[in-house]
Amino acid sequence: MPKKSKTAAFTNRGFAFGNIWKFYSYKAKRVIALRSDRQLAHWLLNIEFNSSIKDFEIGIVERALDDLKPQKTYIFSAVVFPALAPVEWHDIFLQMPQADSCHRNECEEKRLLALKHKTIYRVFDDESYIPFKERIFPLLRVSTLLSGGRDIDIPLQLVEKSHSHINEHQSGCLRDFLSALKAYNTTTSLLYFSQLFSSGIIQVEFGDEFFHMKTKWIKV
């Protein structure tokens, strides 16, 4: 039986391996497959809602990187493309590789290749996500709404009213945002609020419920 991960507990999915999550990424504008709860947590916390990242690849990402070993491919958990910073190669483990292990040696090889290619190599394990575990479920709900609403056309008037409210007030709470859009369907308004957050137009401060009426937002 596969070993249970800490992120599996966060997402209430049971076991870390064998779970395939499929989501529409609003950032990448495509459906992605996430191969474990650990990968799901990484995507939610470090990629999809990180406004500094413009695009990414996730899953099993292969790269040929060593001119001296042209037939060898290196596999990463994710490759991300920040807007204003070097490309990042990400690897995700249950726990940090131990000294002298094959994973540790491979990580060191990738680190040296990252220096050569002027990229950043980052390693994550379950302990990396624990300080932010309370954000996983709320962000999962946002992702579900964005995924389910990808084919919904947001009324132009709702868009204009939203930006008028944001520009006028600069910050506020979700209750006031929805009140300004009371002429429109609430679910559609929440969908556009989520799109604004995902696009980095607003920052959102939230606890264990993203769509709480007291959730605070601020214009970026």
Protein backbone atom coordinates (compact mmCIF):
# COMPACT_ATOMS: atom_id res chain seq x y z
CA MET A 1 0.00 0.00 0.00
CA PRO A 2 1.44 3.40 -0.91
CA LYS A 3 2.66 5.57 1.89
CA LYS A 4 0.37 8.37 3.00
CA SER A 5 1.75 11.87 2.54
CA LYS A 6 1.14 14.92 4.69
CA THR A 7 -0.34 16.68 1.69
CA ALA A 8 -2.77 13.79 1.27
CA ALA A 9 -4.10 14.69 4.69
CA PHE A 10 -4.35 18.34 3.65
CA THR A 11 -6.44 17.52 0.59
CA ASN A 12 -8.46 14.70 2.17
CA ARG A 13 -7.68 12.43 -0.76
CA GLY A 14 -6.26 9.46 1.11
CA PHE A 15 -3.02 8.33 -0.48
CA ALA A 16 -0.41 10.45 -2.19
CA PHE A 17 0.19 8.24 -5.19
CA GLY A 18 -2.32 7.13 -7.79
CA ASN A 19 -4.46 10.24 -7.46
CA ILE A 20 -4.82 12.13 -10.72
CA TRP A 21 -6.24 15.63 -10.49
CA LYS A 22 -7.30 17.41 -13.67
CA PHE A 23 -7.82 21.14 -13.58
CA TYR A 24 -8.14 23.95 -16.05
CA SER A 25 -5.33 26.34 -15.24
CA TYR A 26 -6.54 29.91 -15.61
CA LYS A 27 -2.90 31.04 -15.70
CA ALA A 28 -1.83 28.65 -18.47
CA LYS A 29 -5.23 28.53 -20.23
CA ARG A 30 -5.11 24.74 -20.55
CA VAL A 31 -6.12 21.59 -18.70
CA ILE A 32 -3.32 20.11 -16.60
CA ALA A 33 -2.96 16.71 -14.94
CA LEU A 34 -1.52 16.63 -11.43
CA ARG A 35 -0.24 13.21 -10.48
CA SER A 36 -0.40 13.35 -6.67
CA ASP A 37 -1.73 15.34 -3.74
CA ARG A 38 1.80 16.60 -3.20
CA GLN A 39 1.93 17.96 -6.75
CA LEU A 40 -1.51 19.50 -6.30
CA ALA A 41 -0.37 21.32 -3.16
CA HIS A 42 2.74 22.56 -4.96
CA TRP A 43 0.74 23.86 -7.92
CA LEU A 44 -1.76 25.69 -5.71
CA LEU A 45 0.75 27.21 -3.30
CA ASN A 46 3.71 28.00 -5.55
CA ILE A 47 2.55 28.27 -9.15
CA GLU A 48 -1.07 28.89 -10.11
CA PHE A 49 -1.69 31.79 -7.72
CA ASN A 50 1.82 33.20 -7.75
CA SER A 51 1.39 36.37 -9.80
CA SER A 52 5.11 36.56 -10.58
CA ILE A 53 4.89 33.38 -12.69
CA LYS A 54 3.60 33.76 -16.25
CA ASP A 55 3.62 30.10 -17.39
CA PHE A 56 4.70 26.64 -16.31
CA GLU A 57 4.97 22.95 -17.10
CA ILE A 58 4.12 20.38 -14.44
CA GLY A 59 3.92 16.63 -14.14
CA ILE A 60 6.83 14.76 -15.68
CA VAL A 61 8.89 17.46 -17.39
CA GLU A 62 11.83 16.20 -19.41
CA ARG A 63 14.83 18.26 -20.47
CA ALA A 64 18.06 17.41 -22.32
CA LEU A 65 20.56 19.68 -20.60
CA ASP A 66 24.07 18.25 -20.73
CA ASP A 67 26.03 18.75 -23.97
CA LEU A 68 28.41 16.02 -22.83
CA LYS A 69 25.48 13.59 -22.43
CA PRO A 70 23.17 14.48 -25.34
CA GLN A 71 21.13 11.29 -24.97
CA LYS A 72 20.42 11.84 -21.29
CA THR A 73 17.21 13.54 -20.23
CA TYR A 74 16.58 15.00 -16.80
CA ILE A 75 13.12 14.80 -15.27
CA PHE A 76 11.67 17.62 -13.13
CA SER A 77 8.41 17.87 -11.24
CA ALA A 78 7.79 21.31 -12.71
CA VAL A 79 9.44 24.03 -14.75
CA VAL A 80 8.17 27.56 -14.17
CA PHE A 81 8.67 30.74 -16.15
CA PRO A 82 8.61 33.91 -14.01
CA ALA A 83 7.87 37.19 -15.74
CA LEU A 84 10.93 39.03 -14.43
CA ALA A 85 13.27 36.35 -13.10
CA PRO A 86 15.20 33.31 -14.35
CA VAL A 87 13.45 30.07 -15.22
CA GLU A 88 13.05 27.71 -12.25
CA TRP A 89 13.36 23.92 -12.20
CA HIS A 90 11.36 22.32 -9.36
CA ASP A 91 11.63 18.85 -7.86
CA ILE A 92 9.16 17.54 -5.28
CA PHE A 93 9.91 14.78 -2.76
CA LEU A 94 8.21 13.18 0.23
CA GLN A 95 11.24 14.28 2.22
CA MET A 96 14.55 15.87 1.37
CA PRO A 97 16.97 13.34 -0.18
CA GLN A 98 19.50 11.97 2.30
CA ALA A 99 23.23 12.45 1.88
CA ASP A 100 24.89 9.99 -0.53
CA SER A 101 21.51 8.80 -1.84
CA CYS A 102 20.94 8.53 -5.60
CA HIS A 103 18.31 11.30 -5.36
CA ARG A 104 20.76 13.56 -3.51
CA ASN A 105 23.44 12.97 -6.14
CA GLU A 106 20.97 13.70 -8.93
CA CYS A 107 19.84 16.89 -7.18
CA GLU A 108 23.45 18.05 -6.96
CA GLU A 109 23.94 17.30 -10.66
CA LYS A 110 20.83 19.33 -11.50
CA ARG A 111 22.00 22.17 -9.27
CA LEU A 112 25.28 22.39 -11.20
CA LEU A 113 23.42 22.27 -14.51
CA ALA A 114 21.15 25.08 -13.30
CA LEU A 115 24.20 27.26 -12.70
CA LYS A 116 25.41 26.48 -16.21
CA HIS A 117 22.03 27.30 -17.77
CA LYS A 118 21.48 30.36 -15.54
CA THR A 119 18.31 28.91 -14.07
CA ILE A 120 17.25 28.30 -10.47
CA TYR A 121 16.93 24.76 -9.12
CA ARG A 122 14.59 24.36 -6.14
CA VAL A 123 13.72 21.26 -4.13
CA PHE A 124 10.51 20.92 -2.10
CA ASP A 125 9.27 18.30 0.33
CA ASP A 126 6.16 17.91 2.48
CA GLU A 127 7.70 20.08 5.19
CA SER A 128 7.79 22.94 2.65
CA TYR A 129 3.99 23.00 2.53
CA ILE A 130 3.11 22.61 6.21
CA PRO A 131 3.36 26.34 7.10
CA PHE A 132 0.86 27.09 4.31
CA LYS A 133 -1.43 24.06 4.62
CA GLU A 134 -4.44 26.19 5.66
CA ARG A 135 -4.36 27.84 2.23
CA ILE A 136 -4.70 24.61 0.26
CA PHE A 137 -8.43 23.98 0.66
CA PRO A 138 -9.45 27.61 -0.03
CA LEU A 139 -7.25 27.74 -3.14
CA LEU A 140 -8.63 24.38 -4.24
CA ARG A 141 -12.13 25.88 -4.15
CA VAL A 142 -10.96 28.87 -6.19
CA SER A 143 -9.38 26.53 -8.74
CA THR A 144 -12.57 24.48 -8.94
CA LEU A 145 -14.61 27.61 -9.64
CA LEU A 146 -12.13 28.84 -12.27
CA SER A 147 -12.06 25.41 -13.89
CA GLY A 148 -15.84 25.05 -13.94
CA GLY A 149 -16.34 28.60 -15.21
CA ARG A 150 -13.81 28.61 -18.02
CA ASP A 151 -16.50 28.70 -20.72
CA ILE A 152 -18.60 31.40 -19.05
CA ASP A 153 -18.59 34.79 -20.70
CA ILE A 154 -18.31 37.54 -18.10
CA PRO A 155 -20.67 40.43 -19.00
CA LEU A 156 -18.75 43.52 -20.06
CA GLN A 157 -20.80 45.66 -17.71
CA LEU A 158 -19.80 43.44 -14.76
CA VAL A 159 -16.14 43.78 -15.73
CA GLU A 160 -16.38 47.54 -15.99
CA LYS A 161 -18.29 47.85 -12.72
CA SER A 162 -15.74 45.64 -10.95
CA HIS A 163 -12.78 47.72 -12.10
CA SER A 164 -14.57 50.93 -11.27
CA HIS A 165 -15.17 49.66 -7.72
CA ILE A 166 -11.57 48.46 -7.36
CA ASN A 167 -10.06 51.69 -8.69
CA GLU A 168 -12.28 53.84 -6.53
CA HIS A 169 -11.78 52.00 -3.24
CA GLN A 170 -8.33 50.40 -3.73
CA SER A 171 -9.16 47.84 -1.02
CA GLY A 172 -12.17 46.35 0.70
CA CYS A 173 -13.95 43.11 1.54
CA LEU A 174 -15.79 40.59 -0.57
CA ARG A 175 -19.15 41.70 0.83
CA ASP A 176 -18.69 45.23 -0.54
CA PHE A 177 -17.40 43.91 -3.87
CA LEU A 178 -20.51 41.76 -4.32
CA SER A 179 -22.76 44.59 -3.15
CA ALA A 180 -21.38 46.77 -5.94
CA LEU A 181 -22.32 43.98 -8.38
CA LYS A 182 -25.72 43.14 -6.91
CA ALA A 183 -27.35 43.51 -10.32
CA TYR A 184 -25.44 40.46 -11.55
CA ASN A 185 -25.44 36.75 -10.75
CA THR A 186 -23.46 36.11 -7.56
CA THR A 187 -21.65 33.06 -8.90
CA THR A 188 -20.52 35.02 -11.97
CA SER A 189 -19.33 37.84 -9.73
CA LEU A 190 -17.36 35.37 -7.58
CA LEU A 191 -15.89 33.86 -10.73
CA TYR A 192 -14.63 37.25 -11.88
CA PHE A 193 -13.31 38.01 -8.39
CA SER A 194 -11.34 34.76 -8.63
CA GLN A 195 -10.04 35.71 -12.07
CA LEU A 196 -8.87 39.07 -10.76
CA PHE A 197 -7.03 37.29 -7.94
CA SER A 198 -5.49 34.68 -10.25
CA SER A 199 -4.36 37.41 -12.67
CA GLY A 200 -2.63 39.32 -9.88
CA ILE A 201 -4.84 42.39 -10.27
CA ILE A 202 -5.85 42.11 -6.61
CA GLN A 203 -4.29 40.43 -3.61
CA VAL A 204 -6.63 38.56 -1.30
CA GLU A 205 -6.18 37.93 2.42
CA PHE A 206 -8.14 34.87 3.50
CA GLY A 207 -8.34 32.32 6.26
CA ASP A 208 -9.87 28.88 5.94
CA GLU A 209 -12.62 30.20 3.61
CA PHE A 210 -11.69 32.20 0.52
CA PHE A 211 -15.27 33.21 -0.28
CA HIS A 212 -16.13 34.49 3.22
CA MET A 213 -17.93 37.83 3.09
CA LYS A 214 -15.20 39.35 5.31
CA THR A 215 -12.38 38.24 3.01
CA LYS A 216 -10.19 41.27 2.34
CA TRP A 217 -8.78 42.34 -1.02
CA ILE A 218 -6.38 45.06 -2.07
CA LYS A 219 -5.54 46.42 -5.52
CA VAL A 220 -2.03 45.58 -6.68
